Amino acid sequence: MIKIISRTIFTLVFSSSVLATETLISIESNHTVKETADRFEKILENKGLTIFARIDHRKNASSVNLELAPTEVVIFGNPKVGTPLMQCSKKVAIDLPQKALFWEDINGQAWISYNNPEYLKERHNIKGCEQVINKITDVLGKLSKAATSK
């Protein structure tokens, strides 16, 4: 009986860690938060993606006399990619357009973070859109690396 319980616990622990998908992907930047966000935005423009908004949370905090480390969000997308994803699962629209978070940690290191497309696939039970998910994964990775590299 103890062996069965042990095996069950072992299976649950290891299967849940294998099935769990990291929800956010974070990449360390070689630039400040503002420089990284500026670079990212410029790359988006050059690639023809739509930039819907850029939010400076630090500036907004300061407007109500609160302090916040540099924190910005760029909201962007491409209907040629987002629409097919929403055709696979309407609920994914809550997470679109895409967002990239530019933030500074307690050590002053700048980062870019974004939703892991595999997490969105799991979260919204997206079926039959593997090519779109793979394309989004590839594009977000390339955009982020270009914005954070020297």
Protein backbone atom coordinates (compact mmCIF):
# COMPACT_ATOMS: atom_id res chain seq x y z
CA MET A 1 0.00 0.00 0.00
CA ILE A 2 2.85 2.39 0.85
CA LYS A 3 4.46 1.65 -2.54
CA ILE A 4 1.23 2.54 -4.34
CA ILE A 5 0.88 5.80 -2.43
CA SER A 6 4.54 6.66 -3.04
CA ARG A 7 4.22 5.96 -6.77
CA THR A 8 1.05 8.01 -6.98
CA ILE A 9 2.64 10.99 -5.24
CA PHE A 10 5.78 10.68 -7.39
CA THR A 11 3.68 10.53 -10.57
CA LEU A 12 1.57 13.53 -9.57
CA VAL A 13 4.56 15.66 -8.62
CA PHE A 14 6.56 14.91 -11.76
CA SER A 15 3.67 14.91 -14.21
CA SER A 16 2.45 18.29 -13.00
CA SER A 17 5.92 19.82 -13.36
CA VAL A 18 6.23 18.41 -16.88
CA LEU A 19 2.78 19.65 -17.89
CA ALA A 20 3.19 23.09 -16.37
CA THR A 21 4.13 25.79 -18.83
CA GLU A 22 5.99 28.91 -17.80
CA THR A 23 3.44 31.69 -18.16
CA LEU A 24 5.90 34.51 -18.86
CA ILE A 25 9.11 34.58 -20.80
CA SER A 26 11.64 37.11 -19.48
CA ILE A 27 14.83 38.18 -21.23
CA GLU A 28 17.57 40.26 -19.65
CA SER A 29 18.41 43.45 -21.55
CA ASN A 30 21.75 45.12 -22.20
CA HIS A 31 19.97 48.50 -22.17
CA THR A 32 17.81 50.56 -19.83
CA VAL A 33 14.06 49.97 -19.68
CA LYS A 34 13.37 53.03 -21.86
CA GLU A 35 16.09 52.16 -24.37
CA THR A 36 14.85 48.57 -24.62
CA ALA A 37 11.24 49.69 -25.12
CA ASP A 38 12.36 52.29 -27.69
CA ARG A 39 14.36 49.66 -29.59
CA PHE A 40 11.45 47.21 -29.43
CA GLU A 41 9.00 49.82 -30.70
CA LYS A 42 11.33 50.79 -33.56
CA ILE A 43 11.68 47.12 -34.59
CA LEU A 44 7.88 46.73 -34.53
CA GLU A 45 7.51 49.77 -36.78
CA ASN A 46 10.15 48.46 -39.19
CA LYS A 47 8.37 45.09 -39.36
CA GLY A 48 5.01 46.73 -40.08
CA LEU A 49 3.33 45.65 -36.86
CA THR A 50 0.67 47.87 -35.32
CA ILE A 51 1.55 49.64 -32.08
CA PHE A 52 -1.68 50.29 -30.20
CA ALA A 53 -0.28 51.91 -27.07
CA ARG A 54 2.75 52.46 -24.89
CA ILE A 55 2.08 52.82 -21.20
CA ASP A 56 4.61 54.33 -18.81
CA HIS A 57 3.54 53.01 -15.40
CA ARG A 58 6.32 54.89 -13.62
CA LYS A 59 5.07 58.19 -15.03
CA ASN A 60 1.50 57.32 -14.06
CA ALA A 61 2.60 56.42 -10.50
CA SER A 62 4.48 59.69 -10.24
CA SER A 63 1.32 61.61 -11.20
CA VAL A 64 -0.24 60.43 -7.92
CA ASN A 65 2.94 60.97 -5.88
CA LEU A 66 3.96 57.31 -5.81
CA GLU A 67 7.30 55.81 -6.77
CA LEU A 68 7.82 52.93 -9.13
CA ALA A 69 10.90 51.54 -10.82
CA PRO A 70 10.92 52.00 -14.60
CA THR A 71 8.02 49.93 -15.92
CA GLU A 72 6.53 50.24 -19.40
CA VAL A 73 4.14 48.17 -21.51
CA VAL A 74 3.94 48.19 -25.29
CA ILE A 75 0.70 46.83 -26.76
CA PHE A 76 1.11 45.66 -30.35
CA GLY A 77 -0.10 43.16 -32.87
CA ASN A 78 -0.82 42.04 -36.37
CA PRO A 79 -4.36 41.04 -37.41
CA LYS A 80 -2.90 38.60 -39.97
CA VAL A 81 -1.64 36.55 -37.02
CA GLY A 82 -4.10 37.43 -34.25
CA THR A 83 -7.23 36.76 -36.30
CA PRO A 84 -6.38 33.13 -37.13
CA LEU A 85 -5.59 32.57 -33.47
CA MET A 86 -8.99 33.96 -32.46
CA GLN A 87 -10.60 31.75 -35.11
CA CYS A 88 -9.17 28.76 -33.22
CA SER A 89 -10.36 30.07 -29.85
CA LYS A 90 -12.42 33.23 -29.33
CA LYS A 91 -11.33 33.44 -25.68
CA VAL A 92 -7.73 34.18 -26.64
CA ALA A 93 -8.96 37.66 -27.62
CA ILE A 94 -8.75 38.61 -23.92
CA ASP A 95 -4.96 38.31 -24.25
CA LEU A 96 -4.71 40.09 -27.60
CA PRO A 97 -3.23 42.28 -28.84
CA GLN A 98 0.16 41.14 -27.63
CA LYS A 99 1.86 42.96 -24.77
CA ALA A 100 5.51 43.34 -23.90
CA LEU A 101 6.51 44.45 -20.41
CA PHE A 102 9.75 46.38 -19.92
CA TRP A 103 10.78 46.53 -16.28
CA GLU A 104 13.66 47.03 -13.90
CA ASP A 105 14.43 44.61 -11.08
CA ILE A 106 15.67 45.57 -7.60
CA ASN A 107 19.27 45.41 -8.84
CA GLY A 108 18.63 47.93 -11.62
CA GLN A 109 18.68 45.27 -14.36
CA ALA A 110 16.27 45.87 -17.25
CA TRP A 111 14.13 43.04 -18.60
CA ILE A 112 11.51 42.36 -21.24
CA SER A 113 8.69 39.93 -20.44
CA TYR A 114 5.80 38.65 -22.50
CA ASN A 115 3.14 35.96 -22.35
CA ASN A 116 4.44 32.57 -23.40
CA PRO A 117 2.39 31.56 -26.47
CA GLU A 118 2.39 27.94 -25.21
CA TYR A 119 0.76 29.19 -22.01
CA LEU A 120 -1.90 31.01 -24.04
CA LYS A 121 -2.47 27.79 -25.99
CA GLU A 122 -3.06 25.89 -22.74
CA ARG A 123 -5.02 28.69 -21.06
CA HIS A 124 -7.51 28.96 -23.92
CA ASN A 125 -7.47 25.30 -24.97
CA ILE A 126 -6.40 26.27 -28.49
CA LYS A 127 -6.54 23.35 -30.90
CA GLY A 128 -5.41 23.23 -34.52
CA CYS A 129 -3.34 26.42 -34.48
CA GLU A 130 0.12 24.98 -33.91
CA GLN A 131 1.60 26.83 -36.91
CA VAL A 132 0.26 30.17 -35.65
CA ILE A 133 1.51 29.50 -32.09
CA ASN A 134 4.92 28.51 -33.46
CA LYS A 135 5.07 31.66 -35.61
CA ILE A 136 4.16 33.88 -32.64
CA THR A 137 6.74 32.12 -30.46
CA ASP A 138 9.42 32.64 -33.10
CA VAL A 139 8.55 36.29 -33.77
CA LEU A 140 8.34 37.27 -30.09
CA GLY A 141 11.69 35.60 -29.43
CA LYS A 142 13.39 37.37 -32.33
CA LEU A 143 11.86 40.77 -31.49
CA SER A 144 12.91 40.47 -27.86
CA LYS A 145 16.44 39.34 -28.61
CA ALA A 146 16.92 42.15 -31.11
CA ALA A 147 15.66 44.75 -28.62
CA THR A 148 17.80 43.49 -25.73
CA SER A 149 21.08 42.71 -27.49
CA LYS A 150 24.05 45.07 -27.78
